[in-house]
Amino acid sequence: MRIVHPRIDYDKCVGLLECYGVCPADVFDAEESIEGKRALVARSGDCIECEQYVQVCPTNAIELVED
């Protein structure tokens, strides 16, 4: 069985949360810390492989990967 999920490169992520806002499967949660905001992959099993979050990320910090 093929399992895919989003992966965030936090070295590239600038915390705009575009991925969080666009994901139709609600895969992400938002976290706020002293460094700022960032999205977390909270429900990777719910991913429907639409890749909308990949398309909206302005820094190419997120990709769909296969385990």
PDB file of N, CA and C in Angstrom:
ATOM      1  N   MET A   1       0.835  -1.174   0.000  1.00  0.00           N
ATOM      2  CA  MET A   1       0.000   0.000   0.000  1.00  0.00           C
ATOM      3  C   MET A   1       0.889   1.250   0.000  1.00  0.00           C
ATOM      4  N   ARG A   2       0.592   2.176  -0.852  1.00  0.00           N
ATOM      5  CA  ARG A   2       1.345   3.423  -0.989  1.00  0.00           C
ATOM      6  C   ARG A   2       0.850   4.431   0.054  1.00  0.00           C
ATOM      7  N   ILE A   3       1.775   4.941   0.866  1.00  0.00           N
ATOM      8  CA  ILE A   3       1.427   5.927   1.883  1.00  0.00           C
ATOM      9  C   ILE A   3       2.175   7.222   1.569  1.00  0.00           C
ATOM     10  N   VAL A   4       1.431   8.297   1.368  1.00  0.00           N
ATOM     11  CA  VAL A   4       2.030   9.600   1.088  1.00  0.00           C
ATOM     12  C   VAL A   4       1.543  10.617   2.118  1.00  0.00           C
ATOM     13  N   HIS A   5       2.376  11.613   2.351  1.00  0.00           N
ATOM     14  CA  HIS A   5       2.033  12.650   3.307  1.00  0.00           C
ATOM     15  C   HIS A   5       2.866  13.891   3.032  1.00  0.00           C
ATOM     16  N   PRO A   6       2.416  15.044   3.526  1.00  0.00           N
ATOM     17  CA  PRO A   6       3.201  16.260   3.356  1.00  0.00           C
ATOM     18  C   PRO A   6       4.384  16.284   4.325  1.00  0.00           C
ATOM     19  N   ARG A   7       5.478  16.901   3.876  1.00  0.00           N
ATOM     20  CA  ARG A   7       6.644  17.119   4.721  1.00  0.00           C
ATOM     21  C   ARG A   7       7.039  18.588   4.608  1.00  0.00           C
ATOM     22  N   ILE A   8       7.256  19.228   5.738  1.00  0.00           N
ATOM     23  CA  ILE A   8       7.613  20.643   5.778  1.00  0.00           C
ATOM     24  C   ILE A   8       9.097  20.785   6.098  1.00  0.00           C
ATOM     25  N   ASP A   9       9.788  21.575   5.305  1.00  0.00           N
ATOM     26  CA  ASP A   9      11.185  21.920   5.561  1.00  0.00           C
ATOM     27  C   ASP A   9      11.174  23.227   6.358  1.00  0.00           C
ATOM     28  N   TYR A  10      11.386  23.125   7.654  1.00  0.00           N
ATOM     29  CA  TYR A  10      11.286  24.303   8.511  1.00  0.00           C
ATOM     30  C   TYR A  10      12.441  25.282   8.318  1.00  0.00           C
ATOM     31  N   ASP A  11      13.478  24.888   7.634  1.00  0.00           N
ATOM     32  CA  ASP A  11      14.542  25.839   7.286  1.00  0.00           C
ATOM     33  C   ASP A  11      14.065  26.812   6.208  1.00  0.00           C
ATOM     34  N   LYS A  12      13.084  26.375   5.401  1.00  0.00           N
ATOM     35  CA  LYS A  12      12.531  27.215   4.335  1.00  0.00           C
ATOM     36  C   LYS A  12      11.226  27.907   4.733  1.00  0.00           C
ATOM     37  N   CYS A  13      10.507  27.328   5.658  1.00  0.00           N
ATOM     38  CA  CYS A  13       9.186  27.834   6.043  1.00  0.00           C
ATOM     39  C   CYS A  13       9.304  29.205   6.717  1.00  0.00           C
ATOM     40  N   VAL A  14       8.471  30.148   6.266  1.00  0.00           N
ATOM     41  CA  VAL A  14       8.452  31.489   6.852  1.00  0.00           C
ATOM     42  C   VAL A  14       7.178  31.744   7.669  1.00  0.00           C
ATOM     43  N   GLY A  15       6.353  30.726   7.846  1.00  0.00           N
ATOM     44  CA  GLY A  15       5.211  30.813   8.741  1.00  0.00           C
ATOM     45  C   GLY A  15       4.003  31.576   8.250  1.00  0.00           C
ATOM     46  N   LEU A  16       3.788  31.631   6.954  1.00  0.00           N
ATOM     47  CA  LEU A  16       2.610  32.319   6.425  1.00  0.00           C
ATOM     48  C   LEU A  16       1.323  31.523   6.597  1.00  0.00           C
ATOM     49  N   LEU A  17       1.447  30.228   6.831  1.00  0.00           N
ATOM     50  CA  LEU A  17       0.316  29.315   7.038  1.00  0.00           C
ATOM     51  C   LEU A  17      -0.596  29.186   5.824  1.00  0.00           C
ATOM     52  N   GLU A  18      -0.063  29.416   4.643  1.00  0.00           N
ATOM     53  CA  GLU A  18      -0.846  29.231   3.419  1.00  0.00           C
ATOM     54  C   GLU A  18      -1.291  27.774   3.295  1.00  0.00           C
ATOM     55  N   CYS A  19      -0.423  26.838   3.636  1.00  0.00           N
ATOM     56  CA  CYS A  19      -0.761  25.417   3.556  1.00  0.00           C
ATOM     57  C   CYS A  19      -1.908  25.075   4.504  1.00  0.00           C
ATOM     58  N   TYR A  20      -1.865  25.630   5.688  1.00  0.00           N
ATOM     59  CA  TYR A  20      -2.905  25.412   6.695  1.00  0.00           C
ATOM     60  C   TYR A  20      -4.264  25.885   6.195  1.00  0.00           C
ATOM     61  N   GLY A  21      -4.277  27.024   5.537  1.00  0.00           N
ATOM     62  CA  GLY A  21      -5.541  27.596   5.080  1.00  0.00           C
ATOM     63  C   GLY A  21      -6.148  26.926   3.868  1.00  0.00           C
ATOM     64  N   VAL A  22      -5.329  26.289   3.036  1.00  0.00           N
ATOM     65  CA  VAL A  22      -5.830  25.753   1.776  1.00  0.00           C
ATOM     66  C   VAL A  22      -6.129  24.246   1.820  1.00  0.00           C
ATOM     67  N   CYS A  23      -5.636  23.537   2.786  1.00  0.00           N
ATOM     68  CA  CYS A  23      -5.772  22.077   2.808  1.00  0.00           C
ATOM     69  C   CYS A  23      -7.225  21.648   3.031  1.00  0.00           C
ATOM     70  N   PRO A  24      -7.839  20.974   2.040  1.00  0.00           N
ATOM     71  CA  PRO A  24      -9.235  20.563   2.180  1.00  0.00           C
ATOM     72  C   PRO A  24      -9.428  19.379   3.136  1.00  0.00           C
ATOM     73  N   ALA A  25      -8.345  18.669   3.453  1.00  0.00           N
ATOM     74  CA  ALA A  25      -8.444  17.503   4.336  1.00  0.00           C
ATOM     75  C   ALA A  25      -8.072  17.837   5.778  1.00  0.00           C
ATOM     76  N   ASP A  26      -7.765  19.101   6.052  1.00  0.00           N
ATOM     77  CA  ASP A  26      -7.432  19.546   7.406  1.00  0.00           C
ATOM     78  C   ASP A  26      -6.283  18.738   8.010  1.00  0.00           C
ATOM     79  N   VAL A  27      -5.229  18.562   7.228  1.00  0.00           N
ATOM     80  CA  VAL A  27      -4.066  17.782   7.647  1.00  0.00           C
ATOM     81  C   VAL A  27      -3.184  18.552   8.632  1.00  0.00           C
ATOM     82  N   PHE A  28      -3.225  19.883   8.576  1.00  0.00           N
ATOM     83  CA  PHE A  28      -2.309  20.709   9.350  1.00  0.00           C
ATOM     84  C   PHE A  28      -2.956  21.340  10.578  1.00  0.00           C
ATOM     85  N   ASP A  29      -2.126  21.561  11.590  1.00  0.00           N
ATOM     86  CA  ASP A  29      -2.463  22.410  12.718  1.00  0.00           C
ATOM     87  C   ASP A  29      -1.512  23.599  12.667  1.00  0.00           C
ATOM     88  N   ALA A  30      -1.881  24.689  13.308  1.00  0.00           N
ATOM     89  CA  ALA A  30      -1.016  25.860  13.393  1.00  0.00           C
ATOM     90  C   ALA A  30      -0.464  25.954  14.806  1.00  0.00           C
ATOM     91  N   GLU A  31       0.807  26.330  14.890  1.00  0.00           N
ATOM     92  CA  GLU A  31       1.472  26.463  16.179  1.00  0.00           C
ATOM     93  C   GLU A  31       2.120  27.840  16.249  1.00  0.00           C
ATOM     94  N   GLU A  32       2.069  28.443  17.400  1.00  0.00           N
ATOM     95  CA  GLU A  32       2.745  29.722  17.588  1.00  0.00           C
ATOM     96  C   GLU A  32       3.739  29.577  18.729  1.00  0.00           C
ATOM     97  N   SER A  33       4.973  30.023  18.475  1.00  0.00           N
ATOM     98  CA  SER A  33       6.026  29.966  19.479  1.00  0.00           C
ATOM     99  C   SER A  33       6.773  31.292  19.476  1.00  0.00           C
ATOM    100  N   ILE A  34       7.837  31.383  20.213  1.00  0.00           N
ATOM    101  CA  ILE A  34       8.616  32.623  20.228  1.00  0.00           C
ATOM    102  C   ILE A  34       9.280  32.898  18.883  1.00  0.00           C
ATOM    103  N   GLU A  35       9.474  31.851  18.087  1.00  0.00           N
ATOM    104  CA  GLU A  35      10.021  32.011  16.741  1.00  0.00           C
ATOM    105  C   GLU A  35       8.982  32.489  15.739  1.00  0.00           C
ATOM    106  N   GLY A  36       7.713  32.400  16.089  1.00  0.00           N
ATOM    107  CA  GLY A  36       6.641  32.799  15.194  1.00  0.00           C
ATOM    108  C   GLY A  36       5.666  31.661  14.952  1.00  0.00           C
ATOM    109  N   LYS A  37       4.882  31.803  13.901  1.00  0.00           N
ATOM    110  CA  LYS A  37       3.884  30.789  13.551  1.00  0.00           C
ATOM    111  C   LYS A  37       4.479  29.764  12.609  1.00  0.00           C
ATOM    112  N   ARG A  38       3.907  28.559  12.651  1.00  0.00           N
ATOM    113  CA  ARG A  38       4.259  27.535  11.671  1.00  0.00           C
ATOM    114  C   ARG A  38       3.172  26.469  11.641  1.00  0.00           C
ATOM    115  N   ALA A  39       3.097  25.811  10.516  1.00  0.00           N
ATOM    116  CA  ALA A  39       2.146  24.710  10.353  1.00  0.00           C
ATOM    117  C   ALA A  39       2.807  23.414  10.796  1.00  0.00           C
ATOM    118  N   LEU A  40       2.006  22.532  11.343  1.00  0.00           N
ATOM    119  CA  LEU A  40       2.469  21.207  11.740  1.00  0.00           C
ATOM    120  C   LEU A  40       1.636  20.172  11.002  1.00  0.00           C
ATOM    121  N   VAL A  41       2.267  19.114  10.540  1.00  0.00           N
ATOM    122  CA  VAL A  41       1.534  18.006   9.927  1.00  0.00           C
ATOM    123  C   VAL A  41       0.955  17.194  11.082  1.00  0.00           C
ATOM    124  N   ALA A  42      -0.337  17.342  11.311  1.00  0.00           N
ATOM    125  CA  ALA A  42      -0.981  16.737  12.474  1.00  0.00           C
ATOM    126  C   ALA A  42      -1.760  15.461  12.142  1.00  0.00           C
ATOM    127  N   ARG A  43      -2.278  15.390  10.925  1.00  0.00           N
ATOM    128  CA  ARG A  43      -3.100  14.241  10.529  1.00  0.00           C
ATOM    129  C   ARG A  43      -2.663  13.760   9.143  1.00  0.00           C
ATOM    130  N   SER A  44      -1.458  13.252   9.052  1.00  0.00           N
ATOM    131  CA  SER A  44      -0.902  12.869   7.749  1.00  0.00           C
ATOM    132  C   SER A  44      -1.716  11.765   7.076  1.00  0.00           C
ATOM    133  N   GLY A  45      -2.340  10.918   7.854  1.00  0.00           N
ATOM    134  CA  GLY A  45      -3.149   9.841   7.296  1.00  0.00           C
ATOM    135  C   GLY A  45      -4.400  10.322   6.591  1.00  0.00           C
ATOM    136  N   ASP A  46      -4.784  11.561   6.827  1.00  0.00           N
ATOM    137  CA  ASP A  46      -5.973  12.125   6.191  1.00  0.00           C
ATOM    138  C   ASP A  46      -5.679  12.773   4.843  1.00  0.00           C
ATOM    139  N   CYS A  47      -4.407  12.851   4.466  1.00  0.00           N
ATOM    140  CA  CYS A  47      -4.009  13.512   3.217  1.00  0.00           C
ATOM    141  C   CYS A  47      -4.680  12.852   2.008  1.00  0.00           C
ATOM    142  N   ILE A  48      -5.229  13.676   1.118  1.00  0.00           N
ATOM    143  CA  ILE A  48      -5.886  13.166  -0.090  1.00  0.00           C
ATOM    144  C   ILE A  48      -5.039  13.400  -1.338  1.00  0.00           C
ATOM    145  N   GLU A  49      -3.776  13.796  -1.131  1.00  0.00           N
ATOM    146  CA  GLU A  49      -2.797  13.961  -2.215  1.00  0.00           C
ATOM    147  C   GLU A  49      -3.193  15.025  -3.240  1.00  0.00           C
ATOM    148  N   CYS A  50      -3.889  16.046  -2.822  1.00  0.00           N
ATOM    149  CA  CYS A  50      -4.306  17.085  -3.759  1.00  0.00           C
ATOM    150  C   CYS A  50      -3.153  18.028  -4.119  1.00  0.00           C
ATOM    151  N   GLU A  51      -2.177  18.127  -3.231  1.00  0.00           N
ATOM    152  CA  GLU A  51      -0.994  18.972  -3.397  1.00  0.00           C
ATOM    153  C   GLU A  51      -1.301  20.468  -3.468  1.00  0.00           C
ATOM    154  N   GLN A  52      -2.466  20.869  -3.022  1.00  0.00           N
ATOM    155  CA  GLN A  52      -2.786  22.299  -3.013  1.00  0.00           C
ATOM    156  C   GLN A  52      -1.812  23.073  -2.126  1.00  0.00           C
ATOM    157  N   TYR A  53      -1.410  22.482  -1.017  1.00  0.00           N
ATOM    158  CA  TYR A  53      -0.476  23.136  -0.103  1.00  0.00           C
ATOM    159  C   TYR A  53       0.899  23.315  -0.734  1.00  0.00           C
ATOM    160  N   VAL A  54       1.282  22.406  -1.606  1.00  0.00           N
ATOM    161  CA  VAL A  54       2.562  22.535  -2.324  1.00  0.00           C
ATOM    162  C   VAL A  54       2.502  23.739  -3.261  1.00  0.00           C
ATOM    163  N   GLN A  55       1.399  23.890  -3.942  1.00  0.00           N
ATOM    164  CA  GLN A  55       1.240  24.959  -4.921  1.00  0.00           C
ATOM    165  C   GLN A  55       1.183  26.350  -4.287  1.00  0.00           C
ATOM    166  N   VAL A  56       0.643  26.485  -3.077  1.00  0.00           N
ATOM    167  CA  VAL A  56       0.500  27.813  -2.475  1.00  0.00           C
ATOM    168  C   VAL A  56       1.702  28.253  -1.637  1.00  0.00           C
ATOM    169  N   CYS A  57       2.597  27.359  -1.332  1.00  0.00           N
ATOM    170  CA  CYS A  57       3.739  27.719  -0.487  1.00  0.00           C
ATOM    171  C   CYS A  57       4.717  28.608  -1.267  1.00  0.00           C
ATOM    172  N   PRO A  58       4.903  29.855  -0.835  1.00  0.00           N
ATOM    173  CA  PRO A  58       5.756  30.775  -1.581  1.00  0.00           C
ATOM    174  C   PRO A  58       7.248  30.480  -1.481  1.00  0.00           C
ATOM    175  N   THR A  59       7.646  29.643  -0.519  1.00  0.00           N
ATOM    176  CA  THR A  59       9.064  29.344  -0.348  1.00  0.00           C
ATOM    177  C   THR A  59       9.422  27.895  -0.689  1.00  0.00           C
ATOM    178  N   ASN A  60       8.463  27.168  -1.262  1.00  0.00           N
ATOM    179  CA  ASN A  60       8.675  25.755  -1.609  1.00  0.00           C
ATOM    180  C   ASN A  60       9.177  24.940  -0.414  1.00  0.00           C
ATOM    181  N   ALA A  61       8.578  25.205   0.747  1.00  0.00           N
ATOM    182  CA  ALA A  61       9.002  24.545   1.966  1.00  0.00           C
ATOM    183  C   ALA A  61       8.263  23.237   2.250  1.00  0.00           C
ATOM    184  N   ILE A  62       7.314  22.887   1.390  1.00  0.00           N
ATOM    185  CA  ILE A  62       6.497  21.709   1.653  1.00  0.00           C
ATOM    186  C   ILE A  62       6.422  20.843   0.398  1.00  0.00           C
ATOM    187  N   GLU A  63       6.471  19.539   0.623  1.00  0.00           N
ATOM    188  CA  GLU A  63       6.382  18.599  -0.489  1.00  0.00           C
ATOM    189  C   GLU A  63       5.586  17.371  -0.061  1.00  0.00           C
ATOM    190  N   LEU A  64       5.099  16.659  -1.026  1.00  0.00           N
ATOM    191  CA  LEU A  64       4.391  15.410  -0.795  1.00  0.00           C
ATOM    192  C   LEU A  64       5.395  14.292  -0.954  1.00  0.00           C
ATOM    193  N   VAL A  65       5.549  13.467   0.066  1.00  0.00           N
ATOM    194  CA  VAL A  65       6.538  12.384   0.048  1.00  0.00           C
ATOM    195  C   VAL A  65       5.864  11.039   0.276  1.00  0.00           C
ATOM    196  N   GLU A  66       6.541  10.010  -0.158  1.00  0.00           N
ATOM    197  CA  GLU A  66       6.043   8.646  -0.010  1.00  0.00           C
ATOM    198  C   GLU A  66       6.896   7.897   0.985  1.00  0.00           C
ATOM    199  N   ASP A  67       6.255   7.173   1.900  1.00  0.00           N
ATOM    200  CA  ASP A  67       6.981   6.335   2.857  1.00  0.00           C
ATOM    201  C   ASP A  67       7.150   4.940   2.317  1.00  0.00           C
TER     202      ASP A  67
END
